[in-house]
Full PDB file with SEQRES, HELIX, SHEET, SSBOND, CRYST1, ORIGX, SCALE, CONECT and MASTER records, all heavy atoms in Angstrom:
SEQRES   1 A   39  LEU ILE TYR ALA PHE ALA GLN ALA GLY ALA VAL GLN CYS          
SEQRES   2 A   39  GLY PHE CYS THR PRO GLY PHE VAL MET ALA ALA LYS ALA          
SEQRES   3 A   39  LEU LEU ASP ARG ASP PRO ASN PRO GLY GLU GLU ALA VAL          
HELIX    1 AA1 ILE A    2  GLN A    7  1                                   6    
HELIX    2 AA2 THR A   17  ARG A   30  1                                  14    
CRYST1    1.000    1.000    1.000  90.00  90.00  90.00 P 1           1          
ORIGX1      1.000000  0.000000  0.000000        0.00000                         
ORIGX2      0.000000  1.000000  0.000000        0.00000                         
ORIGX3      0.000000  0.000000  1.000000        0.00000                         
SCALE1      1.000000  0.000000  0.000000        0.00000                         
SCALE2      0.000000  1.000000  0.000000        0.00000                         
SCALE3      0.000000  0.000000  1.000000        0.00000                         
ATOM      1  N   LEU A   1     102.565  99.191  91.957  1.00  0.00           N  
ATOM      2  CA  LEU A   1     101.125  99.403  92.077  1.00  0.00           C  
ATOM      3  C   LEU A   1     100.613  98.957  93.444  1.00  0.00           C  
ATOM      4  O   LEU A   1      99.776  99.625  94.058  1.00  0.00           O  
ATOM      5  CB  LEU A   1     100.379  98.658  90.967  1.00  0.00           C  
ATOM      6  CG  LEU A   1     100.168  99.426  89.666  1.00  0.00           C  
ATOM      7  CD1 LEU A   1      99.778  98.484  88.550  1.00  0.00           C  
ATOM      8  CD2 LEU A   1      99.126 100.527  89.832  1.00  0.00           C  
ATOM      9  N   ILE A   2     101.102  97.814  93.913  1.00  0.00           N  
ATOM     10  CA  ILE A   2     100.709  97.332  95.241  1.00  0.00           C  
ATOM     11  C   ILE A   2     101.157  98.319  96.303  1.00  0.00           C  
ATOM     12  O   ILE A   2     100.394  98.677  97.216  1.00  0.00           O  
ATOM     13  CB  ILE A   2     101.293  95.931  95.490  1.00  0.00           C  
ATOM     14  CG1 ILE A   2     100.650  94.915  94.535  1.00  0.00           C  
ATOM     15  CG2 ILE A   2     101.112  95.505  96.946  1.00  0.00           C  
ATOM     16  CD1 ILE A   2     101.247  93.527  94.611  1.00  0.00           C  
ATOM     17  N   TYR A   3     102.396  98.782  96.179  1.00  0.00           N  
ATOM     18  CA  TYR A   3     102.923  99.775  97.117  1.00  0.00           C  
ATOM     19  C   TYR A   3     102.091 101.058  97.064  1.00  0.00           C  
ATOM     20  O   TYR A   3     101.731 101.629  98.100  1.00  0.00           O  
ATOM     21  CB  TYR A   3     104.379 100.072  96.761  1.00  0.00           C  
ATOM     22  CG  TYR A   3     105.019 101.159  97.577  1.00  0.00           C  
ATOM     23  CD1 TYR A   3     105.536 100.889  98.838  1.00  0.00           C  
ATOM     24  CD2 TYR A   3     105.108 102.461  97.083  1.00  0.00           C  
ATOM     25  CE1 TYR A   3     106.137 101.898  99.595  1.00  0.00           C  
ATOM     26  CE2 TYR A   3     105.706 103.473  97.830  1.00  0.00           C  
ATOM     27  CZ  TYR A   3     106.208 103.182  99.085  1.00  0.00           C  
ATOM     28  OH  TYR A   3     106.784 104.177  99.824  1.00  0.00           O  
ATOM     29  N   ALA A   4     101.762 101.502  95.851  1.00  0.00           N  
ATOM     30  CA  ALA A   4     101.030 102.762  95.687  1.00  0.00           C  
ATOM     31  C   ALA A   4      99.617 102.674  96.257  1.00  0.00           C  
ATOM     32  O   ALA A   4      99.127 103.631  96.873  1.00  0.00           O  
ATOM     33  CB  ALA A   4     100.987 103.141  94.215  1.00  0.00           C  
ATOM     34  N   PHE A   5      98.943 101.556  96.058  1.00  0.00           N  
ATOM     35  CA  PHE A   5      97.605 101.392  96.608  1.00  0.00           C  
ATOM     36  C   PHE A   5      97.638 101.465  98.134  1.00  0.00           C  
ATOM     37  O   PHE A   5      96.754 102.047  98.756  1.00  0.00           O  
ATOM     38  CB  PHE A   5      96.995 100.068  96.146  1.00  0.00           C  
ATOM     39  CG  PHE A   5      96.168 100.187  94.893  1.00  0.00           C  
ATOM     40  CD1 PHE A   5      96.771 100.462  93.680  1.00  0.00           C  
ATOM     41  CD2 PHE A   5      94.795 100.033  94.935  1.00  0.00           C  
ATOM     42  CE1 PHE A   5      96.018 100.576  92.514  1.00  0.00           C  
ATOM     43  CE2 PHE A   5      94.027 100.149  93.783  1.00  0.00           C  
ATOM     44  CZ  PHE A   5      94.640 100.423  92.564  1.00  0.00           C  
ATOM     45  N   ALA A   6      98.665 100.872  98.725  1.00  0.00           N  
ATOM     46  CA  ALA A   6      98.798 100.925 100.181  1.00  0.00           C  
ATOM     47  C   ALA A   6      99.115 102.337 100.655  1.00  0.00           C  
ATOM     48  O   ALA A   6      98.521 102.840 101.610  1.00  0.00           O  
ATOM     49  CB  ALA A   6      99.875  99.944 100.637  1.00  0.00           C  
ATOM     50  N   GLN A   7     100.053 102.999  99.978  1.00  0.00           N  
ATOM     51  CA  GLN A   7     100.485 104.332 100.393  1.00  0.00           C  
ATOM     52  C   GLN A   7      99.388 105.378 100.219  1.00  0.00           C  
ATOM     53  O   GLN A   7      99.253 106.291 101.029  1.00  0.00           O  
ATOM     54  CB  GLN A   7     101.712 104.754  99.578  1.00  0.00           C  
ATOM     55  CG  GLN A   7     102.990 104.048  99.976  1.00  0.00           C  
ATOM     56  CD  GLN A   7     103.405 104.373 101.400  1.00  0.00           C  
ATOM     57  OE1 GLN A   7     103.213 103.563 102.300  1.00  0.00           O  
ATOM     58  NE2 GLN A   7     103.950 105.551 101.611  1.00  0.00           N  
ATOM     59  N   ALA A   8      98.612 105.265  99.156  1.00  0.00           N  
ATOM     60  CA  ALA A   8      97.603 106.286  98.846  1.00  0.00           C  
ATOM     61  C   ALA A   8      96.313 106.106  99.631  1.00  0.00           C  
ATOM     62  O   ALA A   8      95.400 106.923  99.515  1.00  0.00           O  
ATOM     63  CB  ALA A   8      97.307 106.275  97.347  1.00  0.00           C  
ATOM     64  N   GLY A   9      96.209 105.032 100.406  1.00  0.00           N  
ATOM     65  CA  GLY A   9      94.970 104.793 101.141  1.00  0.00           C  
ATOM     66  C   GLY A   9      93.856 104.299 100.247  1.00  0.00           C  
ATOM     67  O   GLY A   9      92.668 104.558 100.503  1.00  0.00           O  
ATOM     68  N   ALA A  10      94.212 103.574  99.192  1.00  0.00           N  
ATOM     69  CA  ALA A  10      93.226 103.086  98.225  1.00  0.00           C  
ATOM     70  C   ALA A  10      92.706 101.704  98.595  1.00  0.00           C  
ATOM     71  O   ALA A  10      92.100 101.027  97.758  1.00  0.00           O  
ATOM     72  CB  ALA A  10      93.849 103.050  96.833  1.00  0.00           C  
ATOM     73  N   VAL A  11      92.951 101.269  99.826  1.00  0.00           N  
ATOM     74  CA  VAL A  11      92.545  99.935 100.272  1.00  0.00           C  
ATOM     75  C   VAL A  11      91.699 100.056 101.538  1.00  0.00           C  
ATOM     76  O   VAL A  11      92.125 100.680 102.506  1.00  0.00           O  
ATOM     77  CB  VAL A  11      93.770  99.044 100.569  1.00  0.00           C  
ATOM     78  CG1 VAL A  11      93.320  97.654 100.990  1.00  0.00           C  
ATOM     79  CG2 VAL A  11      94.692  98.973  99.360  1.00  0.00           C  
ATOM     80  N   GLN A  12      90.521  99.462 101.516  1.00  0.00           N  
ATOM     81  CA  GLN A  12      89.744  99.339 102.757  1.00  0.00           C  
ATOM     82  C   GLN A  12      89.463  97.862 102.996  1.00  0.00           C  
ATOM     83  O   GLN A  12      90.308  97.158 103.513  1.00  0.00           O  
ATOM     84  CB  GLN A  12      88.475 100.192 102.696  1.00  0.00           C  
ATOM     85  CG  GLN A  12      88.773 101.668 102.910  1.00  0.00           C  
ATOM     86  CD  GLN A  12      87.539 102.483 103.189  1.00  0.00           C  
ATOM     87  OE1 GLN A  12      86.557 102.012 103.728  1.00  0.00           O  
ATOM     88  NE2 GLN A  12      87.582 103.745 102.811  1.00  0.00           N  
ATOM     89  N   CYS A  13      88.303  97.353 102.570  1.00  0.00           N  
ATOM     90  CA  CYS A  13      88.060  95.923 102.804  1.00  0.00           C  
ATOM     91  C   CYS A  13      89.029  95.077 101.997  1.00  0.00           C  
ATOM     92  O   CYS A  13      89.398  93.986 102.403  1.00  0.00           O  
ATOM     93  CB  CYS A  13      86.608  95.558 102.496  1.00  0.00           C  
ATOM     94  SG  CYS A  13      86.250  95.207 100.759  1.00  0.00           S  
ATOM     95  N   GLY A  14      89.451  95.554 100.822  1.00  0.00           N  
ATOM     96  CA  GLY A  14      90.477  94.874 100.041  1.00  0.00           C  
ATOM     97  C   GLY A  14      89.976  93.813  99.087  1.00  0.00           C  
ATOM     98  O   GLY A  14      90.767  93.252  98.321  1.00  0.00           O  
ATOM     99  N   PHE A  15      88.677  93.516  99.082  1.00  0.00           N  
ATOM    100  CA  PHE A  15      88.191  92.431  98.232  1.00  0.00           C  
ATOM    101  C   PHE A  15      88.316  92.775  96.750  1.00  0.00           C  
ATOM    102  O   PHE A  15      88.678  91.925  95.930  1.00  0.00           O  
ATOM    103  CB  PHE A  15      86.738  92.100  98.579  1.00  0.00           C  
ATOM    104  CG  PHE A  15      86.248  90.836  97.945  1.00  0.00           C  
ATOM    105  CD1 PHE A  15      86.500  89.605  98.529  1.00  0.00           C  
ATOM    106  CD2 PHE A  15      85.545  90.863  96.761  1.00  0.00           C  
ATOM    107  CE1 PHE A  15      86.071  88.433  97.934  1.00  0.00           C  
ATOM    108  CE2 PHE A  15      85.096  89.693  96.160  1.00  0.00           C  
ATOM    109  CZ  PHE A  15      85.354  88.475  96.752  1.00  0.00           C  
ATOM    110  N   CYS A  16      88.037  94.023  96.407  1.00  0.00           N  
ATOM    111  CA  CYS A  16      88.092  94.424  94.997  1.00  0.00           C  
ATOM    112  C   CYS A  16      89.499  94.800  94.553  1.00  0.00           C  
ATOM    113  O   CYS A  16      89.765  94.905  93.351  1.00  0.00           O  
ATOM    114  CB  CYS A  16      87.161  95.604  94.755  1.00  0.00           C  
ATOM    115  SG  CYS A  16      87.751  97.162  95.515  1.00  0.00           S  
ATOM    116  N   THR A  17      90.409  95.038  95.505  1.00  0.00           N  
ATOM    117  CA  THR A  17      91.698  95.651  95.196  1.00  0.00           C  
ATOM    118  C   THR A  17      92.547  94.883  94.187  1.00  0.00           C  
ATOM    119  O   THR A  17      93.100  95.487  93.264  1.00  0.00           O  
ATOM    120  CB  THR A  17      92.494  95.894  96.494  1.00  0.00           C  
ATOM    121  OG1 THR A  17      91.663  96.599  97.424  1.00  0.00           O  
ATOM    122  CG2 THR A  17      93.745  96.703  96.220  1.00  0.00           C  
ATOM    123  N   PRO A  18      92.696  93.540  94.297  1.00  0.00           N  
ATOM    124  CA  PRO A  18      93.502  92.848  93.293  1.00  0.00           C  
ATOM    125  C   PRO A  18      93.006  93.059  91.859  1.00  0.00           C  
ATOM    126  O   PRO A  18      93.816  93.193  90.931  1.00  0.00           O  
ATOM    127  CB  PRO A  18      93.391  91.379  93.713  1.00  0.00           C  
ATOM    128  CG  PRO A  18      93.159  91.426  95.184  1.00  0.00           C  
ATOM    129  CD  PRO A  18      92.281  92.626  95.392  1.00  0.00           C  
ATOM    130  N   GLY A  19      91.702  93.124  91.690  1.00  0.00           N  
ATOM    131  CA  GLY A  19      91.155  93.374  90.355  1.00  0.00           C  
ATOM    132  C   GLY A  19      91.523  94.745  89.840  1.00  0.00           C  
ATOM    133  O   GLY A  19      91.872  94.918  88.660  1.00  0.00           O  
ATOM    134  N   PHE A  20      91.465  95.755  90.723  1.00  0.00           N  
ATOM    135  CA  PHE A  20      91.864  97.104  90.329  1.00  0.00           C  
ATOM    136  C   PHE A  20      93.347  97.148  89.979  1.00  0.00           C  
ATOM    137  O   PHE A  20      93.755  97.795  89.005  1.00  0.00           O  
ATOM    138  CB  PHE A  20      91.577  98.088  91.465  1.00  0.00           C  
ATOM    139  CG  PHE A  20      90.191  98.660  91.445  1.00  0.00           C  
ATOM    140  CD1 PHE A  20      89.190  98.103  92.221  1.00  0.00           C  
ATOM    141  CD2 PHE A  20      89.880  99.750  90.650  1.00  0.00           C  
ATOM    142  CE1 PHE A  20      87.909  98.632  92.206  1.00  0.00           C  
ATOM    143  CE2 PHE A  20      88.608 100.286  90.631  1.00  0.00           C  
ATOM    144  CZ  PHE A  20      87.610  99.730  91.407  1.00  0.00           C  
ATOM    145  N   VAL A  21      94.176  96.486  90.793  1.00  0.00           N  
ATOM    146  CA  VAL A  21      95.615  96.486  90.551  1.00  0.00           C  
ATOM    147  C   VAL A  21      95.934  95.869  89.185  1.00  0.00           C  
ATOM    148  O   VAL A  21      96.757  96.405  88.422  1.00  0.00           O  
ATOM    149  CB  VAL A  21      96.349  95.730  91.675  1.00  0.00           C  
ATOM    150  CG1 VAL A  21      97.821  95.507  91.303  1.00  0.00           C  
ATOM    151  CG2 VAL A  21      96.256  96.496  92.986  1.00  0.00           C  
ATOM    152  N   MET A  22      95.277  94.767  88.848  1.00  0.00           N  
ATOM    153  CA  MET A  22      95.557  94.112  87.565  1.00  0.00           C  
ATOM    154  C   MET A  22      95.067  94.949  86.384  1.00  0.00           C  
ATOM    155  O   MET A  22      95.724  95.012  85.335  1.00  0.00           O  
ATOM    156  CB  MET A  22      94.925  92.725  87.538  1.00  0.00           C  
ATOM    157  CG  MET A  22      95.509  91.758  88.563  1.00  0.00           C  
ATOM    158  SD  MET A  22      97.315  91.648  88.511  1.00  0.00           S  
ATOM    159  CE  MET A  22      97.561  90.841  86.919  1.00  0.00           C  
ATOM    160  N   ALA A  23      93.913  95.607  86.530  1.00  0.00           N  
ATOM    161  CA  ALA A  23      93.431  96.484  85.463  1.00  0.00           C  
ATOM    162  C   ALA A  23      94.399  97.645  85.257  1.00  0.00           C  
ATOM    163  O   ALA A  23      94.694  98.045  84.119  1.00  0.00           O  
ATOM    164  CB  ALA A  23      92.034  96.998  85.802  1.00  0.00           C  
ATOM    165  N   ALA A  24      94.919  98.183  86.373  1.00  0.00           N  
ATOM    166  CA  ALA A  24      95.880  99.278  86.294  1.00  0.00           C  
ATOM    167  C   ALA A  24      97.213  98.816  85.716  1.00  0.00           C  
ATOM    168  O   ALA A  24      97.867  99.560  84.968  1.00  0.00           O  
ATOM    169  CB  ALA A  24      96.098  99.878  87.680  1.00  0.00           C  
ATOM    170  N   LYS A  25      97.607  97.584  86.046  1.00  0.00           N  
ATOM    171  CA  LYS A  25      98.873  97.043  85.515  1.00  0.00           C  
ATOM    172  C   LYS A  25      98.820  96.948  83.990  1.00  0.00           C  
ATOM    173  O   LYS A  25      99.776  97.330  83.291  1.00  0.00           O  
ATOM    174  CB  LYS A  25      99.117  95.660  86.117  1.00  0.00           C  
ATOM    175  CG  LYS A  25     100.311  94.888  85.517  1.00  0.00           C  
ATOM    176  CD  LYS A  25     101.634  95.525  85.889  1.00  0.00           C  
ATOM    177  CE  LYS A  25     102.815  94.576  85.716  1.00  0.00           C  
ATOM    178  NZ  LYS A  25     102.941  93.977  84.384  1.00  0.00           N  
ATOM    179  N   ALA A  26      97.721  96.446  83.455  1.00  0.00           N  
ATOM    180  CA  ALA A  26      97.577  96.351  82.001  1.00  0.00           C  
ATOM    181  C   ALA A  26      97.632  97.735  81.363  1.00  0.00           C  
ATOM    182  O   ALA A  26      98.222  97.919  80.286  1.00  0.00           O  
ATOM    183  CB  ALA A  26      96.267  95.643  81.655  1.00  0.00           C  
ATOM    184  N   LEU A  27      97.044  98.726  82.036  1.00  0.00           N  
ATOM    185  CA  LEU A  27      97.058 100.098  81.512  1.00  0.00           C  
ATOM    186  C   LEU A  27      98.468 100.666  81.501  1.00  0.00           C  
ATOM    187  O   LEU A  27      98.925 101.195  80.469  1.00  0.00           O  
ATOM    188  CB  LEU A  27      96.143 100.981  82.367  1.00  0.00           C  
ATOM    189  CG  LEU A  27      96.218 102.486  82.097  1.00  0.00           C  
ATOM    190  CD1 LEU A  27      95.743 102.798  80.687  1.00  0.00           C  
ATOM    191  CD2 LEU A  27      95.413 103.260  83.125  1.00  0.00           C  
ATOM    192  N   LEU A  28      99.176 100.571  82.632  1.00  0.00           N  
ATOM    193  CA  LEU A  28     100.519 101.155  82.712  1.00  0.00           C  
ATOM    194  C   LEU A  28     101.509 100.449  81.803  1.00  0.00           C  
ATOM    195  O   LEU A  28     102.490 101.070  81.354  1.00  0.00           O  
ATOM    196  CB  LEU A  28     101.022 101.124  84.159  1.00  0.00           C  
ATOM    197  CG  LEU A  28     100.274 102.010  85.167  1.00  0.00           C  
ATOM    198  CD1 LEU A  28     100.946 101.944  86.529  1.00  0.00           C  
ATOM    199  CD2 LEU A  28     100.178 103.441  84.684  1.00  0.00           C  
ATOM    200  N   ASP A  29     101.291  99.177  81.520  1.00  0.00           N  
ATOM    201  CA  ASP A  29     102.192  98.458  80.616  1.00  0.00           C  
ATOM    202  C   ASP A  29     102.118  99.009  79.193  1.00  0.00           C  
ATOM    203  O   ASP A  29     103.114  99.014  78.467  1.00  0.00           O  
ATOM    204  CB  ASP A  29     101.860  96.963  80.608  1.00  0.00           C  
ATOM    205  CG  ASP A  29     102.376  96.258  81.848  1.00  0.00           C  
ATOM    206  OD1 ASP A  29     103.167  96.864  82.598  1.00  0.00           O  
ATOM    207  OD2 ASP A  29     101.977  95.096  82.078  1.00  0.00           O  
ATOM    208  N   ARG A  30     100.922  99.464  78.802  1.00  0.00           N  
ATOM    209  CA  ARG A  30     100.790  99.999  77.437  1.00  0.00           C  
ATOM    210  C   ARG A  30     100.877 101.523  77.395  1.00  0.00           C  
ATOM    211  O   ARG A  30     101.126 102.110  76.350  1.00  0.00           O  
ATOM    212  CB  ARG A  30      99.492  99.529  76.792  1.00  0.00           C  
ATOM    213  CG  ARG A  30      98.218 100.065  77.432  1.00  0.00           C  
ATOM    214  CD  ARG A  30      96.983  99.637  76.640  1.00  0.00           C  
ATOM    215  NE  ARG A  30      95.758 100.188  77.190  1.00  0.00           N  
ATOM    216  CZ  ARG A  30      95.016  99.616  78.115  1.00  0.00           C  
ATOM    217  NH1 ARG A  30      95.387  98.428  78.595  1.00  0.00           N  
ATOM    218  NH2 ARG A  30      93.918 100.184  78.567  1.00  0.00           N  
ATOM    219  N   ASP A  31     100.639 102.172  78.538  1.00  0.00           N  
ATOM    220  CA  ASP A  31     100.693 103.637  78.609  1.00  0.00           C  
ATOM    221  C   ASP A  31     101.255 104.031  79.967  1.00  0.00           C  
ATOM    222  O   ASP A  31     100.516 104.173  80.937  1.00  0.00           O  
ATOM    223  CB  ASP A  31      99.292 104.221  78.422  1.00  0.00           C  
ATOM    224  CG  ASP A  31      99.299 105.744  78.402  1.00  0.00           C  
ATOM    225  OD1 ASP A  31     100.386 106.349  78.539  1.00  0.00           O  
ATOM    226  OD2 ASP A  31      98.209 106.341  78.248  1.00  0.00           O  
ATOM    227  N   PRO A  32     102.576 104.211  80.062  1.00  0.00           N  
ATOM    228  CA  PRO A  32     103.207 104.470  81.365  1.00  0.00           C  
ATOM    229  C   PRO A  32     102.750 105.762  82.040  1.00  0.00           C  
ATOM    230  O   PRO A  32     102.895 105.904  83.250  1.00  0.00           O  
ATOM    231  CB  PRO A  32     104.705 104.533  81.028  1.00  0.00           C  
ATOM    232  CG  PRO A  32     104.837 103.809  79.729  1.00  0.00           C  
ATOM    233  CD  PRO A  32     103.570 104.082  78.990  1.00  0.00           C  
ATOM    234  N   ASN A  33     102.216 106.697  81.273  1.00  0.00           N  
ATOM    235  CA  ASN A  33     101.794 107.983  81.851  1.00  0.00           C  
ATOM    236  C   ASN A  33     100.378 108.332  81.374  1.00  0.00           C  
ATOM    237  O   ASN A  33     100.173 109.302  80.639  1.00  0.00           O  
ATOM    238  CB  ASN A  33     102.778 109.086  81.459  1.00  0.00           C  
ATOM    239  CG  ASN A  33     102.485 110.401  82.162  1.00  0.00           C  
ATOM    240  OD1 ASN A  33     101.959 110.424  83.272  1.00  0.00           O  
ATOM    241  ND2 ASN A  33     102.812 111.511  81.509  1.00  0.00           N  
ATOM    242  N   PRO A  34      99.391 107.570  81.801  1.00  0.00           N  
ATOM    243  CA  PRO A  34      98.032 107.792  81.301  1.00  0.00           C  
ATOM    244  C   PRO A  34      97.376 109.017  81.924  1.00  0.00           C  
ATOM    245  O   PRO A  34      97.650 109.374  83.074  1.00  0.00           O  
ATOM    246  CB  PRO A  34      97.300 106.513  81.736  1.00  0.00           C  
ATOM    247  CG  PRO A  34      98.003 106.102  82.994  1.00  0.00           C  
ATOM    248  CD  PRO A  34      99.449 106.469  82.777  1.00  0.00           C  
ATOM    249  N   GLY A  35      96.502 109.656  81.168  1.00  0.00           N  
ATOM    250  CA  GLY A  35      95.733 110.771  81.695  1.00  0.00           C  
ATOM    251  C   GLY A  35      94.547 110.270  82.499  1.00  0.00           C  
ATOM    252  O   GLY A  35      94.244 109.074  82.536  1.00  0.00           O  
ATOM    253  N   GLU A  36      93.841 111.195  83.140  1.00  0.00           N  
ATOM    254  CA  GLU A  36      92.727 110.825  84.012  1.00  0.00           C  
ATOM    255  C   GLU A  36      91.640 110.070  83.261  1.00  0.00           C  
ATOM    256  O   GLU A  36      91.094 109.086  83.766  1.00  0.00           O  
ATOM    257  CB  GLU A  36      92.143 112.092  84.651  1.00  0.00           C  
ATOM    258  CG  GLU A  36      91.031 111.805  85.638  1.00  0.00           C  
ATOM    259  CD  GLU A  36      90.563 113.064  86.348  1.00  0.00           C  
ATOM    260  OE1 GLU A  36      91.412 113.872  86.746  1.00  0.00           O  
ATOM    261  OE2 GLU A  36      89.334 113.233  86.490  1.00  0.00           O  
ATOM    262  N   GLU A  37      91.311 110.515  82.055  1.00  0.00           N  
ATOM    263  CA  GLU A  37      90.254 109.854  81.290  1.00  0.00           C  
ATOM    264  C   GLU A  37      90.660 108.440  80.902  1.00  0.00           C  
ATOM    265  O   GLU A  37      89.821 107.529  80.881  1.00  0.00           O  
ATOM    266  CB  GLU A  37      89.890 110.668  80.046  1.00  0.00           C  
ATOM    267  CG  GLU A  37      89.181 111.973  80.355  1.00  0.00           C  
ATOM    268  CD  GLU A  37      87.939 111.756  81.196  1.00  0.00           C  
ATOM    269  OE1 GLU A  37      87.135 110.846  80.859  1.00  0.00           O  
ATOM    270  OE2 GLU A  37      87.759 112.479  82.203  1.00  0.00           O  
ATOM    271  N   ALA A  38      91.936 108.242  80.581  1.00  0.00           N  
ATOM    272  CA  ALA A  38      92.418 106.907  80.227  1.00  0.00           C  
ATOM    273  C   ALA A  38      92.326 105.962  81.418  1.00  0.00           C  
ATOM    274  O   ALA A  38      91.974 104.788  81.286  1.00  0.00           O  
ATOM    275  CB  ALA A  38      93.855 106.984  79.713  1.00  0.00           C  
ATOM    276  N   VAL A  39      92.629 106.488  82.621  1.00  0.00           N  
ATOM    277  CA  VAL A  39      92.536 105.673  83.834  1.00  0.00           C  
ATOM    278  C   VAL A  39      91.083 105.293  84.093  1.00  0.00           C  
ATOM    279  O   VAL A  39      90.763 104.140  84.396  1.00  0.00           O  
ATOM    280  CB  VAL A  39      93.123 106.420  85.042  1.00  0.00           C  
ATOM    281  CG1 VAL A  39      92.893 105.618  86.322  1.00  0.00           C  
ATOM    282  CG2 VAL A  39      94.613 106.671  84.840  1.00  0.00           C  
TER     283      VAL A  39                                                      
MASTER        0    0    0    2    0    0    0    6  282    1    0    3          
END                                                                             
């Protein structure tokens, strides 16, 4: 997830990014292939 955020250009100021990464981590742990609405 950290690698993907960097590669996709999903980081600018970076202050909110750790929170997004952790929310996404919890999602992928329970649903490895979530749809757009689930995300």
